[in-house]
PDB file of N, CA and C in Angstrom:
ATOM      1  N   MET A   1       0.856  -1.168   0.000  1.00  0.00           N
ATOM      2  CA  MET A   1       0.000   0.000   0.000  1.00  0.00           C
ATOM      3  C   MET A   1       0.904   1.234   0.000  1.00  0.00           C
ATOM      4  N   SER A   2       0.609   2.186  -0.827  1.00  0.00           N
ATOM      5  CA  SER A   2       1.441   3.381  -0.895  1.00  0.00           C
ATOM      6  C   SER A   2       1.220   4.248   0.333  1.00  0.00           C
ATOM      7  N   ALA A   3       2.201   5.111   0.603  1.00  0.00           N
ATOM      8  CA  ALA A   3       2.132   5.984   1.774  1.00  0.00           C
ATOM      9  C   ALA A   3       0.929   6.913   1.710  1.00  0.00           C
ATOM     10  N   GLU A   4       0.518   7.292   0.492  1.00  0.00           N
ATOM     11  CA  GLU A   4      -0.617   8.200   0.378  1.00  0.00           C
ATOM     12  C   GLU A   4      -1.943   7.549   0.767  1.00  0.00           C
ATOM     13  N   TRP A   5      -1.988   6.239   0.792  1.00  0.00           N
ATOM     14  CA  TRP A   5      -3.191   5.510   1.192  1.00  0.00           C
ATOM     15  C   TRP A   5      -2.888   4.635   2.397  1.00  0.00           C
ATOM     16  N   SER A   6      -2.720   5.221   3.538  1.00  0.00           N
ATOM     17  CA  SER A   6      -2.523   4.457   4.762  1.00  0.00           C
ATOM     18  C   SER A   6      -3.843   3.823   5.174  1.00  0.00           C
ATOM     19  N   SER A   7      -3.794   2.865   6.093  1.00  0.00           N
ATOM     20  CA  SER A   7      -5.037   2.244   6.560  1.00  0.00           C
ATOM     21  C   SER A   7      -5.938   3.274   7.227  1.00  0.00           C
ATOM     22  N   VAL A   8      -5.355   4.279   7.866  1.00  0.00           N
ATOM     23  CA  VAL A   8      -6.159   5.329   8.502  1.00  0.00           C
ATOM     24  C   VAL A   8      -6.888   6.150   7.441  1.00  0.00           C
ATOM     25  N   LYS A   9      -6.202   6.486   6.367  1.00  0.00           N
ATOM     26  CA  LYS A   9      -6.837   7.254   5.295  1.00  0.00           C
ATOM     27  C   LYS A   9      -7.937   6.423   4.619  1.00  0.00           C
ATOM     28  N   LEU A  10      -7.678   5.146   4.399  1.00  0.00           N
ATOM     29  CA  LEU A  10      -8.708   4.283   3.818  1.00  0.00           C
ATOM     30  C   LEU A  10      -9.900   4.160   4.756  1.00  0.00           C
ATOM     31  N   TYR A  11      -9.632   4.048   6.044  1.00  0.00           N
ATOM     32  CA  TYR A  11     -10.720   3.984   7.024  1.00  0.00           C
ATOM     33  C   TYR A  11     -11.573   5.248   6.944  1.00  0.00           C
ATOM     34  N   GLU A  12     -10.937   6.399   6.869  1.00  0.00           N
ATOM     35  CA  GLU A  12     -11.677   7.667   6.768  1.00  0.00           C
ATOM     36  C   GLU A  12     -12.496   7.721   5.481  1.00  0.00           C
ATOM     37  N   TYR A  13     -11.940   7.202   4.401  1.00  0.00           N
ATOM     38  CA  TYR A  13     -12.679   7.123   3.142  1.00  0.00           C
ATOM     39  C   TYR A  13     -13.931   6.259   3.322  1.00  0.00           C
ATOM     40  N   VAL A  14     -13.761   5.062   3.898  1.00  0.00           N
ATOM     41  CA  VAL A  14     -14.888   4.151   4.115  1.00  0.00           C
ATOM     42  C   VAL A  14     -15.930   4.819   4.996  1.00  0.00           C
ATOM     43  N   LYS A  15     -15.493   5.416   6.068  1.00  0.00           N
ATOM     44  CA  LYS A  15     -16.398   6.073   7.009  1.00  0.00           C
ATOM     45  C   LYS A  15     -17.194   7.188   6.325  1.00  0.00           C
ATOM     46  N   THR A  16     -16.529   8.022   5.552  1.00  0.00           N
ATOM     47  CA  THR A  16     -17.198   9.120   4.850  1.00  0.00           C
ATOM     48  C   THR A  16     -18.210   8.595   3.833  1.00  0.00           C
ATOM     49  N   GLU A  17     -17.805   7.628   3.036  1.00  0.00           N
ATOM     50  CA  GLU A  17     -18.705   7.055   2.025  1.00  0.00           C
ATOM     51  C   GLU A  17     -19.950   6.452   2.660  1.00  0.00           C
ATOM     52  N   LEU A  18     -19.743   5.682   3.725  1.00  0.00           N
ATOM     53  CA  LEU A  18     -20.874   5.023   4.364  1.00  0.00           C
ATOM     54  C   LEU A  18     -21.765   6.012   5.100  1.00  0.00           C
ATOM     55  N   ASN A  19     -21.181   7.010   5.734  1.00  0.00           N
ATOM     56  CA  ASN A  19     -21.995   8.027   6.415  1.00  0.00           C
ATOM     57  C   ASN A  19     -22.892   8.768   5.431  1.00  0.00           C
ATOM     58  N   GLU A  20     -22.382   9.015   4.229  1.00  0.00           N
ATOM     59  CA  GLU A  20     -23.145   9.735   3.208  1.00  0.00           C
ATOM     60  C   GLU A  20     -24.178   8.850   2.513  1.00  0.00           C
ATOM     61  N   LYS A  21     -23.795   7.615   2.206  1.00  0.00           N
ATOM     62  CA  LYS A  21     -24.609   6.796   1.304  1.00  0.00           C
ATOM     63  C   LYS A  21     -25.328   5.625   1.965  1.00  0.00           C
ATOM     64  N   ALA A  22     -24.904   5.239   3.155  1.00  0.00           N
ATOM     65  CA  ALA A  22     -25.535   4.134   3.890  1.00  0.00           C
ATOM     66  C   ALA A  22     -25.414   4.440   5.384  1.00  0.00           C
ATOM     67  N   PRO A  23     -26.070   5.512   5.835  1.00  0.00           N
ATOM     68  CA  PRO A  23     -25.837   6.019   7.190  1.00  0.00           C
ATOM     69  C   PRO A  23     -26.223   5.080   8.328  1.00  0.00           C
ATOM     70  N   LYS A  24     -27.052   4.089   8.069  1.00  0.00           N
ATOM     71  CA  LYS A  24     -27.420   3.156   9.138  1.00  0.00           C
ATOM     72  C   LYS A  24     -26.422   2.005   9.273  1.00  0.00           C
ATOM     73  N   LEU A  25     -25.475   1.914   8.350  1.00  0.00           N
ATOM     74  CA  LEU A  25     -24.448   0.889   8.441  1.00  0.00           C
ATOM     75  C   LEU A  25     -23.443   1.325   9.501  1.00  0.00           C
ATOM     76  N   VAL A  26     -23.207   0.480  10.479  1.00  0.00           N
ATOM     77  CA  VAL A  26     -22.322   0.818  11.595  1.00  0.00           C
ATOM     78  C   VAL A  26     -20.925   0.291  11.307  1.00  0.00           C
ATOM     79  N   LEU A  27     -19.965   1.173  11.463  1.00  0.00           N
ATOM     80  CA  LEU A  27     -18.569   0.874  11.200  1.00  0.00           C
ATOM     81  C   LEU A  27     -17.828   0.827  12.529  1.00  0.00           C
ATOM     82  N   SER A  28     -17.064  -0.234  12.771  1.00  0.00           N
ATOM     83  CA  SER A  28     -16.286  -0.310  14.003  1.00  0.00           C
ATOM     84  C   SER A  28     -15.165   0.720  13.970  1.00  0.00           C
ATOM     85  N   ALA A  29     -14.714   1.096  15.137  1.00  0.00           N
ATOM     86  CA  ALA A  29     -13.570   2.013  15.232  1.00  0.00           C
ATOM     87  C   ALA A  29     -12.315   1.275  14.774  1.00  0.00           C
ATOM     88  N   LEU A  30     -11.434   2.013  14.145  1.00  0.00           N
ATOM     89  CA  LEU A  30     -10.144   1.452  13.739  1.00  0.00           C
ATOM     90  C   LEU A  30      -9.210   1.614  14.927  1.00  0.00           C
ATOM     91  N   GLU A  31      -8.863   0.519  15.538  1.00  0.00           N
ATOM     92  CA  GLU A  31      -8.063   0.557  16.757  1.00  0.00           C
ATOM     93  C   GLU A  31      -6.659   0.033  16.502  1.00  0.00           C
ATOM     94  N   GLY A  32      -5.851   0.823  15.831  1.00  0.00           N
ATOM     95  CA  GLY A  32      -4.460   0.468  15.605  1.00  0.00           C
ATOM     96  C   GLY A  32      -4.259  -0.759  14.740  1.00  0.00           C
ATOM     97  N   THR A  33      -5.171  -1.004  13.841  1.00  0.00           N
ATOM     98  CA  THR A  33      -5.081  -2.182  12.992  1.00  0.00           C
ATOM     99  C   THR A  33      -5.565  -1.830  11.591  1.00  0.00           C
ATOM    100  N   TYR A  34      -5.602  -2.794  10.728  1.00  0.00           N
ATOM    101  CA  TYR A  34      -6.068  -2.579   9.362  1.00  0.00           C
ATOM    102  C   TYR A  34      -7.340  -3.372   9.087  1.00  0.00           C
ATOM    103  N   LEU A  35      -7.974  -3.861  10.148  1.00  0.00           N
ATOM    104  CA  LEU A  35      -9.210  -4.614  10.005  1.00  0.00           C
ATOM    105  C   LEU A  35     -10.355  -3.846  10.637  1.00  0.00           C
ATOM    106  N   LEU A  36     -11.512  -3.873   9.991  1.00  0.00           N
ATOM    107  CA  LEU A  36     -12.679  -3.222  10.576  1.00  0.00           C
ATOM    108  C   LEU A  36     -13.890  -4.105  10.363  1.00  0.00           C
ATOM    109  N   PHE A  37     -14.859  -3.925  11.223  1.00  0.00           N
ATOM    110  CA  PHE A  37     -16.120  -4.650  11.116  1.00  0.00           C
ATOM    111  C   PHE A  37     -17.199  -3.710  10.607  1.00  0.00           C
ATOM    112  N   LEU A  38     -18.028  -4.206   9.693  1.00  0.00           N
ATOM    113  CA  LEU A  38     -19.200  -3.488   9.207  1.00  0.00           C
ATOM    114  C   LEU A  38     -20.431  -4.213   9.722  1.00  0.00           C
ATOM    115  N   ASP A  39     -21.290  -3.496  10.392  1.00  0.00           N
ATOM    116  CA  ASP A  39     -22.532  -4.059  10.927  1.00  0.00           C
ATOM    117  C   ASP A  39     -23.647  -3.749   9.939  1.00  0.00           C
ATOM    118  N   LEU A  40     -24.106  -4.762   9.245  1.00  0.00           N
ATOM    119  CA  LEU A  40     -25.115  -4.610   8.195  1.00  0.00           C
ATOM    120  C   LEU A  40     -26.540  -4.825   8.694  1.00  0.00           C
ATOM    121  N   ARG A  41     -26.716  -5.093   9.987  1.00  0.00           N
ATOM    122  CA  ARG A  41     -28.013  -5.525  10.513  1.00  0.00           C
ATOM    123  C   ARG A  41     -29.134  -4.501  10.373  1.00  0.00           C
ATOM    124  N   GLN A  42     -28.837  -3.233  10.226  1.00  0.00           N
ATOM    125  CA  GLN A  42     -29.891  -2.237  10.024  1.00  0.00           C
ATOM    126  C   GLN A  42     -30.454  -2.272   8.601  1.00  0.00           C
ATOM    127  N   TYR A  43     -29.749  -2.946   7.712  1.00  0.00           N
ATOM    128  CA  TYR A  43     -30.181  -3.033   6.319  1.00  0.00           C
ATOM    129  C   TYR A  43     -30.659  -4.424   5.916  1.00  0.00           C
ATOM    130  N   ILE A  44     -30.006  -5.443   6.424  1.00  0.00           N
ATOM    131  CA  ILE A  44     -30.364  -6.801   6.013  1.00  0.00           C
ATOM    132  C   ILE A  44     -30.486  -7.709   7.231  1.00  0.00           C
ATOM    133  N   ASP A  45     -31.293  -8.729   7.095  1.00  0.00           N
ATOM    134  CA  ASP A  45     -31.436  -9.737   8.137  1.00  0.00           C
ATOM    135  C   ASP A  45     -30.099 -10.468   8.266  1.00  0.00           C
ATOM    136  N   PRO A  46     -29.612 -10.656   9.497  1.00  0.00           N
ATOM    137  CA  PRO A  46     -28.328 -11.354   9.669  1.00  0.00           C
ATOM    138  C   PRO A  46     -28.267 -12.712   8.978  1.00  0.00           C
ATOM    139  N   GLU A  47     -29.403 -13.358   8.829  1.00  0.00           N
ATOM    140  CA  GLU A  47     -29.436 -14.654   8.145  1.00  0.00           C
ATOM    141  C   GLU A  47     -29.117 -14.522   6.657  1.00  0.00           C
ATOM    142  N   ASN A  48     -29.234 -13.324   6.107  1.00  0.00           N
ATOM    143  CA  ASN A  48     -29.017 -13.100   4.673  1.00  0.00           C
ATOM    144  C   ASN A  48     -27.683 -12.430   4.359  1.00  0.00           C
ATOM    145  N   THR A  49     -26.821 -12.295   5.356  1.00  0.00           N
ATOM    146  CA  THR A  49     -25.548 -11.586   5.158  1.00  0.00           C
ATOM    147  C   THR A  49     -24.699 -12.232   4.070  1.00  0.00           C
ATOM    148  N   LYS A  50     -24.546 -13.539   4.142  1.00  0.00           N
ATOM    149  CA  LYS A  50     -23.685 -14.228   3.171  1.00  0.00           C
ATOM    150  C   LYS A  50     -24.232 -14.063   1.754  1.00  0.00           C
ATOM    151  N   GLU A  51     -25.520 -14.253   1.590  1.00  0.00           N
ATOM    152  CA  GLU A  51     -26.136 -14.086   0.264  1.00  0.00           C
ATOM    153  C   GLU A  51     -25.946 -12.654  -0.244  1.00  0.00           C
ATOM    154  N   PHE A  52     -26.188 -11.674   0.622  1.00  0.00           N
ATOM    155  CA  PHE A  52     -26.066 -10.269   0.229  1.00  0.00           C
ATOM    156  C   PHE A  52     -24.632  -9.946  -0.204  1.00  0.00           C
ATOM    157  N   ILE A  53     -23.659 -10.303   0.629  1.00  0.00           N
ATOM    158  CA  ILE A  53     -22.260  -9.950   0.356  1.00  0.00           C
ATOM    159  C   ILE A  53     -21.689 -10.740  -0.817  1.00  0.00           C
ATOM    160  N   GLN A  54     -21.922 -12.042  -0.840  1.00  0.00           N
ATOM    161  CA  GLN A  54     -21.329 -12.862  -1.906  1.00  0.00           C
ATOM    162  C   GLN A  54     -22.080 -12.756  -3.223  1.00  0.00           C
ATOM    163  N   ASP A  55     -23.393 -12.907  -3.180  1.00  0.00           N
ATOM    164  CA  ASP A  55     -24.165 -12.985  -4.414  1.00  0.00           C
ATOM    165  C   ASP A  55     -24.506 -11.627  -5.011  1.00  0.00           C
ATOM    166  N   LYS A  56     -24.832 -10.679  -4.164  1.00  0.00           N
ATOM    167  CA  LYS A  56     -25.235  -9.362  -4.674  1.00  0.00           C
ATOM    168  C   LYS A  56     -24.046  -8.409  -4.800  1.00  0.00           C
ATOM    169  N   CYS A  57     -23.227  -8.322  -3.750  1.00  0.00           N
ATOM    170  CA  CYS A  57     -22.088  -7.400  -3.769  1.00  0.00           C
ATOM    171  C   CYS A  57     -20.867  -7.995  -4.458  1.00  0.00           C
ATOM    172  N   ARG A  58     -20.866  -9.328  -4.618  1.00  0.00           N
ATOM    173  CA  ARG A  58     -19.773 -10.036  -5.296  1.00  0.00           C
ATOM    174  C   ARG A  58     -18.436  -9.844  -4.579  1.00  0.00           C
ATOM    175  N   LEU A  59     -18.464 -10.001  -3.240  1.00  0.00           N
ATOM    176  CA  LEU A  59     -17.270  -9.802  -2.430  1.00  0.00           C
ATOM    177  C   LEU A  59     -16.933 -11.059  -1.641  1.00  0.00           C
ATOM    178  N   ALA A  60     -15.662 -11.217  -1.351  1.00  0.00           N
ATOM    179  CA  ALA A  60     -15.187 -12.273  -0.452  1.00  0.00           C
ATOM    180  C   ALA A  60     -14.683 -11.578   0.808  1.00  0.00           C
ATOM    181  N   VAL A  61     -15.298 -11.895   1.927  1.00  0.00           N
ATOM    182  CA  VAL A  61     -14.953 -11.272   3.207  1.00  0.00           C
ATOM    183  C   VAL A  61     -14.947 -12.339   4.297  1.00  0.00           C
ATOM    184  N   ASP A  62     -14.553 -11.916   5.484  1.00  0.00           N
ATOM    185  CA  ASP A  62     -14.714 -12.753   6.672  1.00  0.00           C
ATOM    186  C   ASP A  62     -16.070 -12.407   7.269  1.00  0.00           C
ATOM    187  N   PHE A  63     -16.881 -13.410   7.524  1.00  0.00           N
ATOM    188  CA  PHE A  63     -18.204 -13.174   8.090  1.00  0.00           C
ATOM    189  C   PHE A  63     -18.127 -13.131   9.606  1.00  0.00           C
ATOM    190  N   GLY A  64     -18.886 -12.234  10.188  1.00  0.00           N
ATOM    191  CA  GLY A  64     -18.837 -11.987  11.615  1.00  0.00           C
ATOM    192  C   GLY A  64     -19.029 -13.213  12.475  1.00  0.00           C
ATOM    193  N   GLU A  65     -19.928 -14.094  12.092  1.00  0.00           N
ATOM    194  CA  GLU A  65     -20.198 -15.257  12.933  1.00  0.00           C
ATOM    195  C   GLU A  65     -18.981 -16.171  13.078  1.00  0.00           C
ATOM    196  N   TRP A  66     -17.980 -16.004  12.214  1.00  0.00           N
ATOM    197  CA  TRP A  66     -16.739 -16.766  12.370  1.00  0.00           C
ATOM    198  C   TRP A  66     -16.018 -16.364  13.657  1.00  0.00           C
ATOM    199  N   PHE A  67     -16.360 -15.183  14.183  1.00  0.00           N
ATOM    200  CA  PHE A  67     -15.709 -14.644  15.377  1.00  0.00           C
ATOM    201  C   PHE A  67     -16.590 -14.761  16.615  1.00  0.00           C
ATOM    202  N   GLY A  68     -17.765 -15.302  16.458  1.00  0.00           N
ATOM    203  CA  GLY A  68     -18.679 -15.508  17.573  1.00  0.00           C
ATOM    204  C   GLY A  68     -20.105 -15.216  17.164  1.00  0.00           C
ATOM    205  N   ASP A  69     -21.040 -15.845  17.860  1.00  0.00           N
ATOM    206  CA  ASP A  69     -22.457 -15.695  17.523  1.00  0.00           C
ATOM    207  C   ASP A  69     -22.946 -14.254  17.611  1.00  0.00           C
ATOM    208  N   ASN A  70     -22.346 -13.447  18.453  1.00  0.00           N
ATOM    209  CA  ASN A  70     -22.761 -12.049  18.605  1.00  0.00           C
ATOM    210  C   ASN A  70     -22.458 -11.200  17.374  1.00  0.00           C
ATOM    211  N   TYR A  71     -21.655 -11.722  16.464  1.00  0.00           N
ATOM    212  CA  TYR A  71     -21.254 -10.953  15.282  1.00  0.00           C
ATOM    213  C   TYR A  71     -21.992 -11.369  14.014  1.00  0.00           C
ATOM    214  N   LYS A  72     -23.047 -12.124  14.151  1.00  0.00           N
ATOM    215  CA  LYS A  72     -23.852 -12.506  12.980  1.00  0.00           C
ATOM    216  C   LYS A  72     -24.470 -11.227  12.400  1.00  0.00           C
ATOM    217  N   GLY A  73     -24.320 -11.010  11.109  1.00  0.00           N
ATOM    218  CA  GLY A  73     -24.797  -9.790  10.470  1.00  0.00           C
ATOM    219  C   GLY A  73     -23.684  -8.765  10.258  1.00  0.00           C
ATOM    220  N   PHE A  74     -22.471  -9.126  10.683  1.00  0.00           N
ATOM    221  CA  PHE A  74     -21.293  -8.284  10.490  1.00  0.00           C
ATOM    222  C   PHE A  74     -20.406  -8.922   9.419  1.00  0.00           C
ATOM    223  N   VAL A  75     -19.566  -8.110   8.797  1.00  0.00           N
ATOM    224  CA  VAL A  75     -18.488  -8.615   7.952  1.00  0.00           C
ATOM    225  C   VAL A  75     -17.209  -7.889   8.348  1.00  0.00           C
ATOM    226  N   ARG A  76     -16.095  -8.569   8.180  1.00  0.00           N
ATOM    227  CA  ARG A  76     -14.805  -7.947   8.478  1.00  0.00           C
ATOM    228  C   ARG A  76     -14.114  -7.619   7.176  1.00  0.00           C
ATOM    229  N   MET A  77     -13.613  -6.398   7.095  1.00  0.00           N
ATOM    230  CA  MET A  77     -12.950  -5.916   5.887  1.00  0.00           C
ATOM    231  C   MET A  77     -11.480  -5.634   6.196  1.00  0.00           C
ATOM    232  N   ASN A  78     -10.622  -6.020   5.271  1.00  0.00           N
ATOM    233  CA  ASN A  78      -9.187  -5.825   5.407  1.00  0.00           C
ATOM    234  C   ASN A  78      -8.781  -4.584   4.606  1.00  0.00           C
ATOM    235  N   LEU A  79      -8.179  -3.602   5.280  1.00  0.00           N
ATOM    236  CA  LEU A  79      -7.740  -2.383   4.603  1.00  0.00           C
ATOM    237  C   LEU A  79      -6.294  -2.469   4.120  1.00  0.00           C
ATOM    238  N   ALA A  80      -5.613  -3.564   4.419  1.00  0.00           N
ATOM    239  CA  ALA A  80      -4.216  -3.732   4.015  1.00  0.00           C
ATOM    240  C   ALA A  80      -4.150  -4.370   2.633  1.00  0.00           C
ATOM    241  N   THR A  81      -4.722  -3.686   1.685  1.00  0.00           N
ATOM    242  CA  THR A  81      -4.744  -4.160   0.306  1.00  0.00           C
ATOM    243  C   THR A  81      -4.694  -2.940  -0.599  1.00  0.00           C
ATOM    244  N   ASP A  82      -4.711  -3.162  -1.864  1.00  0.00           N
ATOM    245  CA  ASP A  82      -4.722  -2.054  -2.813  1.00  0.00           C
ATOM    246  C   ASP A  82      -5.990  -1.224  -2.596  1.00  0.00           C
ATOM    247  N   PRO A  83      -5.864   0.082  -2.460  1.00  0.00           N
ATOM    248  CA  PRO A  83      -7.031   0.944  -2.213  1.00  0.00           C
ATOM    249  C   PRO A  83      -8.151   0.779  -3.230  1.00  0.00           C
ATOM    250  N   LYS A  84      -7.823   0.412  -4.465  1.00  0.00           N
ATOM    251  CA  LYS A  84      -8.881   0.253  -5.469  1.00  0.00           C
ATOM    252  C   LYS A  84      -9.831  -0.872  -5.087  1.00  0.00           C
ATOM    253  N   TYR A  85      -9.341  -1.895  -4.375  1.00  0.00           N
ATOM    254  CA  TYR A  85     -10.205  -2.993  -3.947  1.00  0.00           C
ATOM    255  C   TYR A  85     -11.143  -2.550  -2.819  1.00  0.00           C
ATOM    256  N   VAL A  86     -10.632  -1.732  -1.928  1.00  0.00           N
ATOM    257  CA  VAL A  86     -11.468  -1.194  -0.849  1.00  0.00           C
ATOM    258  C   VAL A  86     -12.544  -0.288  -1.443  1.00  0.00           C
ATOM    259  N   GLN A  87     -12.152   0.570  -2.360  1.00  0.00           N
ATOM    260  CA  GLN A  87     -13.109   1.468  -3.005  1.00  0.00           C
ATOM    261  C   GLN A  87     -14.180   0.678  -3.762  1.00  0.00           C
ATOM    262  N   LYS A  88     -13.784  -0.355  -4.472  1.00  0.00           N
ATOM    263  CA  LYS A  88     -14.733  -1.182  -5.218  1.00  0.00           C
ATOM    264  C   LYS A  88     -15.673  -1.917  -4.265  1.00  0.00           C
ATOM    265  N   ALA A  89     -15.142  -2.444  -3.175  1.00  0.00           N
ATOM    266  CA  ALA A  89     -15.975  -3.150  -2.196  1.00  0.00           C
ATOM    267  C   ALA A  89     -17.028  -2.223  -1.604  1.00  0.00           C
ATOM    268  N   ILE A  90     -16.628  -1.025  -1.215  1.00  0.00           N
ATOM    269  CA  ILE A  90     -17.564  -0.067  -0.628  1.00  0.00           C
ATOM    270  C   ILE A  90     -18.590   0.360  -1.669  1.00  0.00           C
ATOM    271  N   SER A  91     -18.140   0.576  -2.887  1.00  0.00           N
ATOM    272  CA  SER A  91     -19.055   0.941  -3.965  1.00  0.00           C
ATOM    273  C   SER A  91     -20.107  -0.152  -4.174  1.00  0.00           C
ATOM    274  N   ASN A  92     -19.680  -1.409  -4.189  1.00  0.00           N
ATOM    275  CA  ASN A  92     -20.617  -2.522  -4.377  1.00  0.00           C
ATOM    276  C   ASN A  92     -21.605  -2.614  -3.226  1.00  0.00           C
ATOM    277  N   ILE A  93     -21.132  -2.467  -1.999  1.00  0.00           N
ATOM    278  CA  ILE A  93     -22.020  -2.536  -0.832  1.00  0.00           C
ATOM    279  C   ILE A  93     -23.042  -1.414  -0.878  1.00  0.00           C
ATOM    280  N   VAL A  94     -22.585  -0.209  -1.126  1.00  0.00           N
ATOM    281  CA  VAL A  94     -23.493   0.946  -1.181  1.00  0.00           C
ATOM    282  C   VAL A  94     -24.524   0.764  -2.291  1.00  0.00           C
ATOM    283  N   LYS A  95     -24.082   0.350  -3.463  1.00  0.00           N
ATOM    284  CA  LYS A  95     -24.997   0.154  -4.594  1.00  0.00           C
ATOM    285  C   LYS A  95     -26.094  -0.847  -4.241  1.00  0.00           C
ATOM    286  N   GLU A  96     -25.730  -1.936  -3.614  1.00  0.00           N
ATOM    287  CA  GLU A  96     -26.717  -2.962  -3.279  1.00  0.00           C
ATOM    288  C   GLU A  96     -27.609  -2.533  -2.112  1.00  0.00           C
ATOM    289  N   ILE A  97     -27.086  -1.804  -1.163  1.00  0.00           N
ATOM    290  CA  ILE A  97     -27.916  -1.283  -0.064  1.00  0.00           C
ATOM    291  C   ILE A  97     -28.956  -0.319  -0.614  1.00  0.00           C
ATOM    292  N   GLN A  98     -28.554   0.506  -1.559  1.00  0.00           N
ATOM    293  CA  GLN A  98     -29.486   1.492  -2.115  1.00  0.00           C
ATOM    294  C   GLN A  98     -30.608   0.830  -2.928  1.00  0.00           C
ATOM    295  N   LYS A  99     -30.432  -0.416  -3.324  1.00  0.00           N
ATOM    296  CA  LYS A  99     -31.476  -1.148  -4.030  1.00  0.00           C
ATOM    297  C   LYS A  99     -32.530  -1.725  -3.086  1.00  0.00           C
ATOM    298  N   LEU A 100     -32.194  -1.791  -1.801  1.00  0.00           N
ATOM    299  CA  LEU A 100     -33.114  -2.403  -0.827  1.00  0.00           C
ATOM    300  C   LEU A 100     -34.344  -1.556  -0.600  1.00  0.00           C
TER     301      LEU A 100
END
């Protein structure tokens, strides 16, 4: 990842995009890491998270329930990748949320 796109800058990008375009989507705080959780439960039933993310958004992510039953309806996103992938992932999520 280039210096101009640090994980903090990508996090701020994600936060701004989601606040503007999917304001009920809850974003975990970035706590000294490059991983964040997205809480999709205000938009989709937790039982439909995998279908929504994989089939509609066309993304591969870590699903929240892999980390415990309390995280069903969450997905974990890795910011330690090329920024274009983060931008595309957020774009896909927002586009599909706006169709709901």
